N, C-alpha and C. Protein backbone atom coordinates (compact mmCIF):
# COMPACT_ATOMS: atom_id res chain seq x y z
N MET A 1 -171.65 -158.99 -34.83
CA MET A 1 -172.84 -160.14 -34.33
C MET A 1 -172.45 -161.29 -34.97
N ILE A 2 -172.36 -162.35 -34.43
CA ILE A 2 -172.70 -163.83 -34.88
C ILE A 2 -174.10 -164.70 -34.84
N VAL A 3 -174.59 -165.21 -35.88
CA VAL A 3 -175.58 -166.38 -35.22
C VAL A 3 -175.31 -167.67 -36.43
N VAL A 4 -175.48 -168.44 -35.37
CA VAL A 4 -175.05 -169.75 -35.59
C VAL A 4 -176.10 -170.92 -35.52
N THR A 5 -176.09 -171.08 -36.86
CA THR A 5 -177.75 -172.19 -37.15
C THR A 5 -177.52 -173.26 -36.02
N ASP A 6 -178.66 -173.92 -35.78
CA ASP A 6 -178.67 -175.13 -35.13
C ASP A 6 -177.84 -176.43 -35.71
N ALA A 7 -178.41 -176.43 -37.14
CA ALA A 7 -177.50 -177.16 -38.26
C ALA A 7 -175.41 -176.95 -38.05
N ALA A 8 -175.41 -175.70 -38.08
CA ALA A 8 -174.09 -175.63 -37.77
C ALA A 8 -173.46 -175.88 -36.39
N CYS A 9 -174.54 -175.47 -35.59
CA CYS A 9 -173.80 -175.80 -34.30
C CYS A 9 -173.75 -177.53 -34.12
N LYS A 10 -174.41 -178.23 -34.34
CA LYS A 10 -174.44 -179.56 -34.62
C LYS A 10 -173.41 -180.18 -35.06
N GLU A 11 -173.02 -179.78 -36.08
CA GLU A 11 -171.43 -180.13 -36.97
C GLU A 11 -170.59 -179.57 -36.17
N LEU A 12 -170.31 -178.48 -35.60
CA LEU A 12 -169.31 -178.03 -34.75
C LEU A 12 -169.23 -179.15 -33.46
N ASP A 13 -170.67 -179.29 -33.08
CA ASP A 13 -170.42 -180.26 -31.88
C ASP A 13 -169.88 -181.57 -32.52
N ALA A 14 -169.95 -182.11 -33.42
CA ALA A 14 -169.46 -183.14 -33.91
C ALA A 14 -168.04 -183.00 -34.06
N TYR A 15 -167.34 -181.64 -34.75
CA TYR A 15 -165.93 -181.87 -35.06
C TYR A 15 -165.33 -181.78 -33.51
N PHE A 16 -165.70 -181.02 -32.77
CA PHE A 16 -165.05 -180.83 -31.47
C PHE A 16 -165.45 -182.15 -30.23
N ASP A 17 -166.05 -183.27 -30.89
CA ASP A 17 -166.27 -184.28 -29.84
C ASP A 17 -165.68 -184.90 -29.22
N ASP A 18 -164.40 -185.13 -30.15
CA ASP A 18 -163.07 -185.41 -29.26
C ASP A 18 -161.86 -184.73 -28.64
N LYS A 19 -161.95 -183.56 -29.18
CA LYS A 19 -160.93 -182.41 -29.08
C LYS A 19 -161.86 -181.56 -28.03
N GLU A 20 -160.86 -180.53 -27.50
CA GLU A 20 -161.05 -179.33 -26.85
C GLU A 20 -161.65 -178.04 -27.66
N LYS A 21 -162.49 -177.34 -27.42
CA LYS A 21 -163.23 -176.71 -28.51
C LYS A 21 -162.27 -175.25 -28.20
N SER A 22 -161.96 -174.96 -29.42
CA SER A 22 -160.89 -173.57 -29.95
C SER A 22 -161.92 -172.49 -30.19
N PRO A 23 -161.32 -171.36 -30.11
CA PRO A 23 -162.22 -170.10 -30.50
C PRO A 23 -162.06 -170.56 -32.20
N ILE A 24 -162.88 -169.62 -32.79
CA ILE A 24 -163.06 -170.05 -34.38
C ILE A 24 -163.08 -168.73 -34.95
N ARG A 25 -161.93 -168.60 -36.07
CA ARG A 25 -161.98 -167.02 -36.66
C ARG A 25 -163.03 -167.10 -37.86
N VAL A 26 -163.56 -165.95 -38.19
CA VAL A 26 -164.36 -165.59 -39.43
C VAL A 26 -163.23 -164.58 -39.83
N CYS A 27 -162.83 -165.33 -41.19
CA CYS A 27 -161.95 -164.13 -42.07
C CYS A 27 -162.14 -164.20 -43.41
N LEU A 28 -161.53 -163.05 -44.07
CA LEU A 28 -161.62 -163.05 -45.36
C LEU A 28 -160.33 -163.78 -46.09
N ALA A 29 -160.78 -164.82 -46.83
CA ALA A 29 -159.71 -165.48 -47.54
C ALA A 29 -159.51 -165.12 -48.90
N PRO A 30 -158.51 -165.25 -49.36
CA PRO A 30 -158.39 -164.83 -50.49
C PRO A 30 -158.91 -165.96 -51.72
N GLY A 31 -159.71 -165.53 -52.63
CA GLY A 31 -160.35 -166.12 -53.62
C GLY A 31 -159.70 -166.33 -55.14
N GLY A 32 -160.23 -167.15 -55.56
CA GLY A 32 -160.21 -167.98 -56.90
C GLY A 32 -160.19 -166.75 -57.83
N CYS A 33 -161.30 -167.44 -58.97
CA CYS A 33 -162.37 -166.99 -60.16
C CYS A 33 -163.25 -165.72 -59.45
N ASN A 34 -163.52 -166.24 -58.26
CA ASN A 34 -164.87 -165.23 -57.65
C ASN A 34 -164.32 -164.23 -56.59
N GLY A 35 -162.77 -163.80 -56.32
CA GLY A 35 -162.40 -163.21 -55.56
C GLY A 35 -162.58 -163.34 -54.21
N PRO A 36 -162.22 -162.84 -53.05
CA PRO A 36 -162.34 -163.02 -51.87
C PRO A 36 -163.42 -163.73 -51.23
N SER A 37 -163.13 -164.65 -50.31
CA SER A 37 -164.61 -165.20 -49.76
C SER A 37 -164.53 -165.36 -48.03
N LEU A 38 -165.54 -165.46 -47.15
CA LEU A 38 -165.63 -165.50 -46.11
C LEU A 38 -165.24 -166.83 -45.84
N SER A 39 -164.24 -167.50 -44.45
CA SER A 39 -163.66 -168.37 -44.34
C SER A 39 -163.77 -168.80 -42.82
N LEU A 40 -163.24 -169.98 -42.30
CA LEU A 40 -163.22 -170.26 -40.95
C LEU A 40 -162.27 -170.73 -40.66
N ALA A 41 -161.20 -170.65 -39.55
CA ALA A 41 -160.43 -170.83 -39.17
C ALA A 41 -160.04 -171.19 -37.74
N LEU A 42 -159.23 -171.96 -36.96
CA LEU A 42 -159.07 -172.52 -35.49
C LEU A 42 -157.95 -171.29 -35.56
N ASP A 43 -158.07 -170.05 -34.32
CA ASP A 43 -157.54 -169.25 -34.02
C ASP A 43 -157.52 -168.56 -32.62
N SER A 44 -156.63 -168.19 -31.96
CA SER A 44 -156.89 -167.14 -30.69
C SER A 44 -156.92 -165.86 -31.30
N PRO A 45 -158.18 -165.22 -30.39
CA PRO A 45 -158.48 -163.56 -30.84
C PRO A 45 -157.09 -162.73 -30.46
N SER A 46 -157.04 -161.65 -31.11
CA SER A 46 -156.13 -160.72 -30.75
C SER A 46 -156.76 -159.59 -30.69
N ASP A 47 -155.87 -158.66 -30.21
CA ASP A 47 -156.41 -157.29 -30.14
C ASP A 47 -157.29 -156.26 -30.85
N SER A 48 -156.60 -156.86 -32.01
CA SER A 48 -157.81 -156.45 -33.26
C SER A 48 -159.18 -157.21 -33.83
N ASP A 49 -159.21 -158.01 -32.60
CA ASP A 49 -160.50 -158.68 -33.04
C ASP A 49 -161.96 -158.29 -32.08
N ASP A 50 -163.28 -158.57 -32.75
CA ASP A 50 -164.62 -158.41 -31.74
C ASP A 50 -164.43 -159.99 -31.73
N VAL A 51 -164.87 -160.17 -30.02
CA VAL A 51 -164.99 -161.78 -29.88
C VAL A 51 -166.42 -161.64 -29.56
N PHE A 52 -167.26 -162.98 -30.13
CA PHE A 52 -168.30 -163.33 -29.66
C PHE A 52 -168.40 -164.50 -29.22
N VAL A 53 -169.67 -164.94 -28.32
CA VAL A 53 -170.00 -166.35 -27.94
C VAL A 53 -171.17 -166.47 -28.75
N ALA A 54 -171.50 -167.51 -29.47
CA ALA A 54 -172.62 -167.67 -29.75
C ALA A 54 -173.03 -169.69 -30.07
N GLN A 55 -173.77 -170.22 -29.39
CA GLN A 55 -174.14 -171.80 -29.33
C GLN A 55 -173.07 -172.04 -28.77
N GLU A 56 -172.37 -171.58 -27.44
CA GLU A 56 -171.40 -172.01 -26.77
C GLU A 56 -170.03 -171.82 -27.36
N TYR A 57 -169.89 -171.50 -28.61
CA TYR A 57 -168.43 -171.20 -29.38
C TYR A 57 -167.82 -169.84 -29.26
N VAL A 58 -166.87 -169.77 -29.34
CA VAL A 58 -166.16 -168.45 -29.36
C VAL A 58 -165.68 -168.41 -30.53
N PHE A 59 -166.15 -166.85 -31.33
CA PHE A 59 -165.56 -166.40 -32.34
C PHE A 59 -165.01 -165.33 -32.62
N CYS A 60 -164.05 -165.09 -33.07
CA CYS A 60 -163.19 -163.92 -33.41
C CYS A 60 -163.67 -163.27 -34.84
N VAL A 61 -163.31 -161.92 -35.25
CA VAL A 61 -163.50 -161.35 -36.14
C VAL A 61 -162.72 -160.34 -36.01
N ASN A 62 -161.96 -159.50 -37.10
CA ASN A 62 -160.97 -158.54 -37.23
C ASN A 62 -162.37 -157.55 -36.85
N LYS A 63 -162.00 -156.31 -36.05
CA LYS A 63 -163.01 -155.36 -35.85
C LYS A 63 -162.99 -154.38 -37.40
N GLU A 64 -162.19 -154.46 -38.18
CA GLU A 64 -162.12 -154.09 -39.24
C GLU A 64 -163.12 -154.31 -40.28
N LEU A 65 -163.03 -155.87 -40.35
CA LEU A 65 -163.95 -156.46 -41.11
C LEU A 65 -165.29 -156.77 -40.90
N LEU A 66 -165.39 -156.92 -39.53
CA LEU A 66 -166.85 -156.97 -38.87
C LEU A 66 -167.81 -155.48 -39.13
N ARG A 67 -166.72 -154.44 -39.24
CA ARG A 67 -167.42 -153.11 -39.63
C ARG A 67 -168.18 -153.03 -41.04
N VAL A 68 -167.56 -153.79 -41.82
CA VAL A 68 -167.97 -154.13 -43.04
C VAL A 68 -169.25 -155.28 -43.22
N LEU A 69 -168.82 -156.04 -42.57
CA LEU A 69 -169.62 -157.56 -42.53
C LEU A 69 -170.84 -157.19 -42.05
N LYS A 70 -170.83 -156.17 -40.55
CA LYS A 70 -171.94 -156.32 -39.65
C LYS A 70 -172.48 -157.93 -39.29
N LYS A 71 -173.83 -158.12 -39.44
CA LYS A 71 -174.23 -159.44 -38.90
C LYS A 71 -173.87 -160.36 -39.98
N ILE A 72 -172.89 -161.97 -39.09
CA ILE A 72 -172.60 -163.19 -40.03
C ILE A 72 -173.47 -164.15 -39.35
N THR A 73 -173.93 -164.85 -40.52
CA THR A 73 -174.55 -165.93 -40.06
C THR A 73 -173.62 -167.26 -40.79
N LEU A 74 -173.46 -168.35 -39.59
CA LEU A 74 -172.75 -169.46 -39.82
C LEU A 74 -173.90 -170.56 -39.90
N ASP A 75 -174.25 -171.19 -41.20
CA ASP A 75 -174.62 -172.44 -41.39
C ASP A 75 -174.44 -173.69 -42.06
N PHE A 76 -175.11 -174.83 -42.00
CA PHE A 76 -174.05 -176.34 -42.56
C PHE A 76 -175.21 -176.74 -43.16
N SER A 77 -174.77 -177.37 -44.69
CA SER A 77 -175.55 -178.03 -45.46
C SER A 77 -174.96 -179.20 -45.69
N ASP A 78 -175.29 -180.05 -46.66
CA ASP A 78 -174.88 -180.94 -47.44
C ASP A 78 -173.58 -180.58 -48.12
N ARG A 79 -173.54 -179.44 -48.45
CA ARG A 79 -172.34 -178.89 -49.16
C ARG A 79 -171.50 -178.17 -48.08
N GLY A 80 -171.42 -178.35 -46.83
CA GLY A 80 -170.35 -177.59 -46.10
C GLY A 80 -170.97 -176.75 -45.11
N PHE A 81 -169.83 -175.92 -44.54
CA PHE A 81 -170.39 -174.67 -43.93
C PHE A 81 -170.72 -173.65 -44.99
N SER A 82 -171.64 -173.00 -44.38
CA SER A 82 -171.87 -171.49 -45.73
C SER A 82 -171.30 -170.32 -44.61
N ILE A 83 -170.58 -169.28 -45.03
CA ILE A 83 -170.84 -168.08 -44.02
C ILE A 83 -171.46 -166.86 -44.84
N GLU A 84 -172.20 -166.16 -44.21
CA GLU A 84 -172.84 -165.14 -44.99
C GLU A 84 -172.92 -164.09 -44.21
N SER A 85 -172.73 -162.63 -44.58
CA SER A 85 -173.25 -161.56 -43.83
C SER A 85 -173.90 -160.84 -44.54
N GLU A 86 -175.01 -159.76 -43.87
CA GLU A 86 -175.79 -158.86 -44.14
C GLU A 86 -175.29 -158.03 -45.67
N GLU A 87 -174.43 -157.80 -45.62
CA GLU A 87 -173.60 -156.97 -46.86
C GLU A 87 -173.21 -157.69 -48.12
N GLY A 88 -173.98 -158.90 -47.96
CA GLY A 88 -173.68 -159.60 -49.15
C GLY A 88 -172.42 -160.39 -49.29
N PHE A 89 -171.33 -159.98 -48.47
CA PHE A 89 -170.11 -161.07 -48.70
C PHE A 89 -170.59 -162.82 -48.31
N ALA A 90 -169.78 -163.78 -48.85
CA ALA A 90 -170.17 -165.28 -48.45
C ALA A 90 -168.91 -165.73 -48.46
N GLY A 91 -169.23 -167.08 -48.11
CA GLY A 91 -168.25 -168.31 -48.53
C GLY A 91 -168.12 -169.38 -47.65
N GLY A 92 -167.38 -170.34 -47.75
CA GLY A 92 -167.64 -171.61 -47.05
C GLY A 92 -166.48 -172.28 -46.93
N CYS A 93 -166.89 -173.85 -46.09
CA CYS A 93 -165.56 -174.61 -46.01
C CYS A 93 -165.75 -175.88 -46.36
N ALA A 94 -166.38 -176.26 -47.94
CA ALA A 94 -166.45 -177.39 -48.29
C ALA A 94 -165.12 -177.90 -48.99
N SER A 95 -165.03 -177.18 -49.92
CA SER A 95 -163.90 -178.10 -50.86
C SER A 95 -162.78 -177.22 -51.01
N CYS A 96 -163.20 -175.70 -50.86
CA CYS A 96 -162.16 -174.75 -51.32
C CYS A 96 -161.70 -174.10 -49.84
N ARG A 97 -160.25 -174.54 -49.18
CA ARG A 97 -159.77 -173.83 -47.96
C ARG A 97 -158.52 -173.41 -48.37
N SER A 98 -158.63 -172.35 -48.43
CA SER A 98 -157.42 -171.41 -48.73
C SER A 98 -157.26 -170.05 -47.89
N GLY A 99 -156.12 -169.30 -47.55
CA GLY A 99 -156.05 -168.13 -46.82
C GLY A 99 -156.36 -168.44 -45.36
N CYS A 100 -156.81 -169.03 -44.63
CA CYS A 100 -156.95 -169.18 -43.22
C CYS A 100 -156.22 -170.35 -42.86
N ALA A 101 -155.37 -170.70 -41.93
CA ALA A 101 -154.72 -171.72 -41.20
C ALA A 101 -155.51 -172.63 -40.25
N GLY A 102 -155.58 -173.39 -40.25
CA GLY A 102 -156.34 -174.17 -39.58
C GLY A 102 -157.94 -174.28 -39.59
N ASP A 103 -158.21 -174.38 -40.78
CA ASP A 103 -159.36 -174.46 -41.21
C ASP A 103 -160.16 -175.62 -40.47
N VAL A 104 -161.46 -175.18 -40.07
CA VAL A 104 -162.29 -176.21 -39.75
C VAL A 104 -162.92 -177.12 -40.48
């Protein structure tokens, strides 16, 4: 399950304002000092993904990763996107963008 806050939806709307909406992948990106973190990427769903529609956006998450993450919340603040799961994994897409091609 993916929850998209109004702030995150507003930022996604601004990003896609002049382009066609693409599916957004929530993925685990290799990290630096703190280890892996959650990240976003523009990507098409595959057979190994669960697909969700939230706030009129299509999100895909690998089924195995989703079993670990459970509920995912996507938010946006002055620091950029933040991605958190109810199991304690977190990440964002502000200044560090490694691991997932086509980051939002």
